[in-house]
Amino acid sequence: MTETRPRVAVIGAGAFGRNHLRVVRESTLATLAGVYDIDDARRAAAAAEFGCPEFASLDDIPAAADAAIVAVPTMHHKDVACRLMDSGLDVLVEKPIAVSTEEAREMVSTAALRNRILQVGHLERFNPAVEALSKIVNKPLFFEIHRLSIFTPRSLDVDVISDLMIHDLDIVLSMTNVMPEEVRAAGISILSEKVDIASVRLAFPGGAVANLTASRVSTERVRKLRLFQPRQYISVDYARRDCVAISVGDGRQVNIAPQKVEQGEPLARQFDSFLACVASRHAPLVDGLAAARALDLAHQIMAKIEEHSNLVARSLVE
């Protein structure tokens, strides 16, 4: 690299791209190389707000940056990320990794071919409460997860599974270390053309079960995970960033133990982890393969939702 601190460009100056711009600008470990957005006015506004150069083209970025954050619409993730990796940049791309598993595999292959870091923005893995949870999970048997959000016009190019639930799918898969053997799901569209609310049940080899609910049309914001394993119940509140373990001792004594949770914004912690991988060349916590696995499960769920919707439609006309 040409500087002690890596130069990081941000591609996409929408709502989440601006969050990334803020984190990179505030970082003491990196330099904000500049911003690119296909919308000229949005790009100029972001460059002015964050005091950084603006790139007129993606082709201008490799000469000015060592790494990039891709926060463009999902349909463009593969093309932009692969183009940057082909040019020699390490890439942190927002979730979901891509539109299809085929595109995800192409991104993974490109990263391997070019010896580039490819990290995917499954932000909840860097939530301090989830990190605390990961330290005490040993034999997860039952998950109960709710992720409810108030409707906003962002991310309507994807369904609620790829938009919201995919965070929890990634976490469950990281803790079970296996794909489910049975998927049941139902969901409906309410305020967009995509599925806005869904309920999912996953059954894993060995008996573990996960029930997940995701909604982006709720009147309140709820982000909670409850996990049960032998003699222990663990509760995580993503928003409050707390983790509490309730255990039963040999004498049936109940022990309530709030877990030590580190401080820090998940987005900043994710960026620091990305920079550490760029420097060490170690695989990211959420690499392309992990993200592709979560995307594959999301597609399985959407197929089950479509199957259920067709069943309901047939019953209404009979």
Protein backbone atom coordinates (compact mmCIF):
# COMPACT_ATOMS: atom_id res chain seq x y z
CA MET A 1 0.00 0.00 0.00
CA THR A 2 1.16 3.53 -0.68
CA GLU A 3 0.24 4.92 2.74
CA THR A 4 0.49 3.77 6.33
CA ARG A 5 -3.25 4.12 6.60
CA PRO A 6 -5.22 2.38 3.83
CA ARG A 7 -7.21 4.65 1.54
CA VAL A 8 -10.85 3.56 1.43
CA ALA A 9 -13.39 4.69 -1.16
CA VAL A 10 -17.15 4.44 -0.67
CA ILE A 11 -19.31 3.53 -3.65
CA GLY A 12 -22.92 4.54 -3.15
CA ALA A 13 -24.00 7.70 -1.34
CA GLY A 14 -27.50 6.65 -0.34
CA ALA A 15 -28.72 6.31 3.24
CA PHE A 16 -26.39 3.49 4.22
CA GLY A 17 -23.52 4.68 2.06
CA ARG A 18 -23.54 7.90 4.05
CA ASN A 19 -23.24 5.89 7.26
CA HIS A 20 -20.15 4.22 5.83
CA LEU A 21 -18.75 7.59 4.78
CA ARG A 22 -19.12 8.84 8.34
CA VAL A 23 -17.43 5.78 9.83
CA VAL A 24 -14.50 5.91 7.41
CA ARG A 25 -14.04 9.65 7.95
CA GLU A 26 -14.07 9.20 11.74
CA SER A 27 -11.65 6.26 11.68
CA THR A 28 -8.09 6.81 12.91
CA LEU A 29 -7.01 3.67 11.03
CA ALA A 30 -7.92 4.66 7.48
CA THR A 31 -8.18 7.59 5.09
CA LEU A 32 -11.38 8.42 3.23
CA ALA A 33 -10.23 8.33 -0.38
CA GLY A 34 -13.47 9.65 -1.85
CA VAL A 35 -17.01 8.82 -2.86
CA TYR A 36 -18.68 7.66 -6.06
CA ASP A 37 -22.37 7.61 -6.88
CA ILE A 38 -24.07 7.36 -10.24
CA ASP A 39 -26.26 10.33 -9.25
CA ASP A 40 -24.15 13.48 -9.79
CA ALA A 41 -26.03 15.64 -7.29
CA ARG A 42 -26.00 13.00 -4.56
CA ARG A 43 -22.30 12.36 -5.13
CA ALA A 44 -21.45 16.06 -4.92
CA ALA A 45 -23.55 16.54 -1.80
CA ALA A 46 -21.87 13.60 -0.06
CA ALA A 47 -18.39 14.81 -1.03
CA ALA A 48 -19.17 18.26 0.37
CA GLU A 49 -20.67 16.90 3.59
CA PHE A 50 -17.82 14.52 4.35
CA GLY A 51 -15.02 16.69 2.99
CA CYS A 52 -13.66 14.16 0.53
CA PRO A 53 -12.98 13.94 -3.22
CA GLU A 54 -15.68 12.72 -5.56
CA PHE A 55 -14.96 10.22 -8.30
CA ALA A 56 -16.56 10.81 -11.68
CA SER A 57 -16.19 7.14 -12.62
CA LEU A 58 -15.45 3.76 -11.07
CA ASP A 59 -12.37 3.68 -13.29
CA ASP A 60 -10.87 6.55 -11.27
CA ILE A 61 -10.98 4.70 -7.97
CA PRO A 62 -8.18 2.07 -8.20
CA ALA A 63 -5.47 4.72 -8.58
CA ALA A 64 -6.70 6.60 -5.52
CA ALA A 65 -7.73 3.82 -3.12
CA ASP A 66 -6.52 0.55 -1.60
CA ALA A 67 -9.96 -0.74 -0.59
CA ALA A 68 -13.61 0.06 -1.16
CA ILE A 69 -17.00 -0.21 0.50
CA VAL A 70 -19.80 -1.07 -1.92
CA ALA A 71 -23.19 0.27 -0.80
CA VAL A 72 -25.08 0.30 -4.09
CA PRO A 73 -28.39 -1.48 -4.84
CA THR A 74 -28.07 -5.27 -4.51
CA MET A 75 -28.55 -5.84 -8.24
CA HIS A 76 -25.23 -4.07 -8.87
CA HIS A 77 -23.15 -5.70 -6.09
CA LYS A 78 -21.56 -8.34 -8.29
CA ASP A 79 -20.58 -6.08 -11.16
CA VAL A 80 -19.17 -3.31 -8.98
CA ALA A 81 -17.39 -5.58 -6.48
CA CYS A 82 -15.82 -7.80 -9.13
CA ARG A 83 -14.72 -4.79 -11.15
CA LEU A 84 -12.99 -3.34 -8.10
CA MET A 85 -11.38 -6.64 -7.08
CA ASP A 86 -10.16 -7.14 -10.66
CA SER A 87 -8.52 -3.72 -10.29
CA GLY A 88 -6.67 -4.82 -7.15
CA LEU A 89 -8.90 -3.47 -4.38
CA ASP A 90 -10.13 -5.26 -1.27
CA VAL A 91 -13.89 -4.94 -0.89
CA LEU A 92 -16.50 -4.72 1.85
CA VAL A 93 -19.89 -5.16 0.17
CA GLU A 94 -23.24 -4.58 1.81
CA LYS A 95 -25.63 -7.47 2.44
CA PRO A 96 -27.13 -9.40 0.80
CA ILE A 97 -23.97 -10.30 -1.07
CA ALA A 98 -25.76 -10.49 -4.43
CA VAL A 99 -29.06 -11.13 -6.15
CA SER A 100 -28.33 -14.79 -6.87
CA THR A 101 -26.12 -17.54 -5.52
CA GLU A 102 -24.50 -17.73 -8.97
CA GLU A 103 -23.44 -14.09 -8.68
CA ALA A 104 -22.25 -14.69 -5.11
CA ARG A 105 -20.08 -17.59 -6.28
CA GLU A 106 -18.61 -15.41 -9.03
CA MET A 107 -17.68 -12.82 -6.42
CA VAL A 108 -16.06 -15.47 -4.22
CA SER A 109 -14.14 -16.84 -7.23
CA THR A 110 -12.95 -13.38 -8.24
CA ALA A 111 -11.72 -12.68 -4.70
CA ALA A 112 -9.79 -15.96 -4.68
CA LEU A 113 -8.36 -15.42 -8.17
CA ARG A 114 -7.21 -11.89 -7.41
CA ASN A 115 -6.16 -12.66 -3.82
CA ARG A 116 -8.49 -9.96 -2.52
CA ILE A 117 -10.35 -9.62 0.76
CA LEU A 118 -14.12 -9.93 0.24
CA GLN A 119 -16.13 -9.14 3.36
CA VAL A 120 -19.92 -8.89 3.45
CA GLY A 121 -21.80 -6.44 5.65
CA HIS A 122 -23.76 -8.76 7.92
CA LEU A 123 -23.58 -6.06 10.54
CA GLU A 124 -25.15 -7.94 13.46
CA ARG A 125 -22.12 -10.23 13.69
CA PHE A 126 -20.31 -7.17 15.03
CA ASN A 127 -23.04 -6.23 17.46
CA PRO A 128 -21.31 -6.45 20.87
CA ALA A 129 -24.26 -8.42 22.27
CA VAL A 130 -23.97 -11.03 19.53
CA GLU A 131 -20.23 -11.28 20.12
CA ALA A 132 -20.99 -11.92 23.81
CA LEU A 133 -23.53 -14.57 22.81
CA SER A 134 -21.05 -16.34 20.54
CA LYS A 135 -18.70 -16.85 23.49
CA ILE A 136 -21.22 -18.87 25.52
CA VAL A 137 -23.12 -20.82 22.86
CA ASN A 138 -22.25 -24.52 22.94
CA LYS A 139 -25.28 -26.60 21.89
CA PRO A 140 -28.09 -24.42 20.52
CA LEU A 141 -31.37 -26.31 20.43
CA PHE A 142 -34.03 -23.66 19.90
CA PHE A 143 -33.97 -20.12 18.49
CA GLU A 144 -36.81 -17.60 18.71
CA ILE A 145 -35.99 -14.45 16.75
CA HIS A 146 -38.03 -11.33 16.00
CA ARG A 147 -36.88 -8.48 13.77
CA LEU A 148 -39.60 -5.88 13.24
CA SER A 149 -39.10 -2.47 11.64
CA ILE A 150 -41.24 0.50 10.72
CA PHE A 151 -41.78 0.88 6.98
CA THR A 152 -39.30 3.05 5.07
CA PRO A 153 -38.80 3.40 1.31
CA ARG A 154 -35.22 2.10 1.46
CA SER A 155 -34.16 -1.35 0.21
CA LEU A 156 -37.42 -2.05 -1.60
CA ASP A 157 -35.47 -3.72 -4.41
CA VAL A 158 -35.29 -6.81 -2.16
CA ASP A 159 -37.82 -8.69 -0.01
CA VAL A 160 -37.90 -8.64 3.78
CA ILE A 161 -35.97 -11.92 3.90
CA SER A 162 -32.95 -10.46 2.07
CA ASP A 163 -33.41 -7.05 3.65
CA LEU A 164 -33.87 -7.90 7.34
CA MET A 165 -34.11 -11.60 8.16
CA ILE A 166 -30.85 -12.43 6.40
CA HIS A 167 -28.99 -10.95 9.39
CA ASP A 168 -30.56 -13.57 11.63
CA LEU A 169 -30.15 -16.37 9.10
CA ASP A 170 -26.44 -15.62 9.04
CA ILE A 171 -26.24 -15.68 12.85
CA VAL A 172 -28.18 -18.94 13.15
CA LEU A 173 -26.04 -20.62 10.49
CA SER A 174 -22.86 -19.43 12.20
CA MET A 175 -24.01 -21.10 15.43
CA THR A 176 -25.41 -24.34 14.02
CA ASN A 177 -22.63 -24.73 11.42
CA VAL A 178 -25.01 -26.62 9.14
CA MET A 179 -27.78 -25.88 6.68
CA PRO A 180 -31.34 -26.80 7.76
CA GLU A 181 -32.86 -30.03 6.53
CA GLU A 182 -36.39 -28.61 6.54
CA VAL A 183 -37.69 -25.14 5.70
CA ARG A 184 -41.24 -23.92 6.28
CA ALA A 185 -42.26 -20.34 5.52
CA ALA A 186 -45.16 -18.01 4.83
CA GLY A 187 -45.16 -14.34 3.94
CA ILE A 188 -47.15 -11.58 2.26
CA SER A 189 -46.66 -8.27 0.46
CA ILE A 190 -48.38 -5.29 2.07
CA LEU A 191 -46.82 -1.93 1.19
CA SER A 192 -44.40 -2.93 -1.54
CA GLU A 193 -44.26 -5.34 -4.46
CA LYS A 194 -41.96 -7.62 -2.47
CA VAL A 195 -42.71 -9.75 0.60
CA ASP A 196 -42.88 -7.36 3.58
CA ILE A 197 -43.60 -9.74 6.47
CA ALA A 198 -42.64 -13.39 6.89
CA SER A 199 -42.62 -16.22 9.40
CA VAL A 200 -40.07 -19.03 9.04
CA ARG A 201 -39.36 -22.33 10.79
CA LEU A 202 -36.06 -24.10 10.23
CA ALA A 203 -35.24 -27.64 11.39
CA PHE A 204 -31.59 -28.67 11.52
CA PRO A 205 -29.86 -32.06 11.61
CA GLY A 206 -29.44 -33.04 15.25
CA GLY A 207 -32.74 -31.51 16.33
CA ALA A 208 -32.11 -27.77 16.57
CA VAL A 209 -35.05 -25.59 15.54
CA ALA A 210 -35.25 -21.89 14.69
CA ASN A 211 -38.41 -19.78 14.48
CA LEU A 212 -37.89 -16.42 12.83
CA THR A 213 -40.24 -13.51 12.17
CA ALA A 214 -39.32 -10.45 10.11
CA SER A 215 -41.46 -7.46 9.25
CA ARG A 216 -40.79 -4.06 7.74
CA VAL A 217 -44.38 -2.90 8.21
CA SER A 218 -44.53 -2.94 12.00
CA THR A 219 -45.69 -0.11 14.23
CA GLU A 220 -42.68 -0.67 16.48
CA ARG A 221 -39.05 -1.65 16.20
CA VAL A 222 -38.11 -4.95 17.80
CA ARG A 223 -34.81 -6.80 17.36
CA LYS A 224 -34.50 -9.71 19.76
CA LEU A 225 -33.01 -13.20 19.77
CA ARG A 226 -33.75 -15.90 22.33
CA LEU A 227 -31.68 -19.06 22.37
CA PHE A 228 -32.14 -22.21 24.41
CA GLN A 229 -29.45 -24.81 25.02
CA PRO A 230 -29.11 -27.50 27.72
CA ARG A 231 -29.86 -25.96 31.11
CA GLN A 232 -29.58 -22.44 29.78
CA TYR A 233 -31.67 -19.69 28.19
CA ILE A 234 -29.92 -16.71 26.57
CA SER A 235 -31.64 -13.47 25.62
CA VAL A 236 -30.12 -10.90 23.27
CA ASP A 237 -31.53 -7.47 22.50
CA TYR A 238 -29.79 -6.28 19.34
CA ALA A 239 -30.95 -2.69 19.78
CA ARG A 240 -29.98 -2.34 23.46
CA ARG A 241 -26.86 -4.42 22.81
CA ASP A 242 -27.26 -6.55 25.89
CA CYS A 243 -26.99 -10.29 26.50
CA VAL A 244 -28.35 -12.14 29.53
CA ALA A 245 -27.85 -15.83 30.32
CA ILE A 246 -30.27 -17.63 32.65
CA SER A 247 -28.95 -20.97 33.87
CA VAL A 248 -30.31 -23.74 36.07
CA GLY A 249 -27.86 -25.28 38.53
CA ASP A 250 -27.76 -28.80 39.98
CA GLY A 251 -29.94 -27.71 42.89
CA ARG A 252 -32.46 -26.17 40.52
CA GLN A 253 -31.15 -22.78 41.46
CA VAL A 254 -31.71 -20.16 38.81
CA ASN A 255 -28.75 -17.94 38.01
CA ILE A 256 -29.32 -14.75 36.03
CA ALA A 257 -26.04 -13.50 34.59
CA PRO A 258 -25.81 -10.39 32.39
CA GLN A 259 -22.88 -10.98 30.08
CA LYS A 260 -20.02 -8.58 29.65
CA VAL A 261 -20.67 -6.64 26.47
CA GLU A 262 -17.96 -4.53 24.86
CA GLN A 263 -18.78 -0.99 23.84
CA GLY A 264 -18.75 0.30 20.29
CA GLU A 265 -20.91 0.93 17.25
CA PRO A 266 -21.35 -2.25 15.18
CA LEU A 267 -20.68 -0.43 11.89
CA ALA A 268 -17.40 0.96 13.21
CA ARG A 269 -16.44 -2.42 14.67
CA GLN A 270 -17.19 -4.05 11.31
CA PHE A 271 -14.99 -1.51 9.53
CA ASP A 272 -12.14 -2.03 11.99
CA SER A 273 -12.39 -5.79 11.41
CA PHE A 274 -12.29 -5.23 7.65
CA LEU A 275 -9.16 -3.09 7.99
CA ALA A 276 -7.54 -5.77 10.15
CA CYS A 277 -8.21 -8.35 7.43
CA VAL A 278 -6.82 -6.02 4.77
CA ALA A 279 -3.62 -5.68 6.80
CA SER A 280 -3.24 -9.34 7.85
CA ARG A 281 -4.77 -10.97 4.73
CA HIS A 282 -6.79 -13.21 7.06
CA ALA A 283 -10.29 -14.32 6.04
CA PRO A 284 -13.06 -12.02 7.31
CA LEU A 285 -15.51 -13.09 9.98
CA VAL A 286 -18.24 -12.92 7.33
CA ASP A 287 -16.57 -13.85 4.07
CA GLY A 288 -18.16 -14.45 0.69
CA LEU A 289 -18.81 -18.13 1.39
CA ALA A 290 -20.70 -17.41 4.64
CA ALA A 291 -22.73 -14.70 2.92
CA ALA A 292 -23.50 -16.96 -0.03
CA ARG A 293 -24.72 -19.64 2.37
CA ALA A 294 -27.10 -17.17 4.03
CA LEU A 295 -28.30 -16.01 0.61
CA ASP A 296 -28.93 -19.60 -0.48
CA LEU A 297 -31.07 -20.16 2.61
CA ALA A 298 -32.93 -16.90 1.94
CA HIS A 299 -33.77 -18.16 -1.54
CA GLN A 300 -34.99 -21.46 -0.14
CA ILE A 301 -37.26 -19.53 2.19
CA MET A 302 -38.62 -17.36 -0.61
CA ALA A 303 -39.38 -20.50 -2.63
CA LYS A 304 -41.39 -21.87 0.30
CA ILE A 305 -43.22 -18.56 0.67
CA GLU A 306 -44.17 -18.65 -3.01
CA GLU A 307 -45.30 -22.26 -2.63
CA HIS A 308 -47.48 -21.30 0.34
CA SER A 309 -48.89 -18.27 -1.51
CA ASN A 310 -49.88 -20.44 -4.46
CA LEU A 311 -51.58 -22.88 -2.11
CA VAL A 312 -53.58 -20.04 -0.51
CA ALA A 313 -54.51 -18.62 -3.94
CA ARG A 314 -55.80 -22.00 -5.10
CA SER A 315 -57.90 -22.43 -1.96
CA LEU A 316 -59.57 -19.05 -2.53
CA VAL A 317 -60.87 -20.01 -5.98
CA GLU A 318 -62.03 -23.49 -5.11
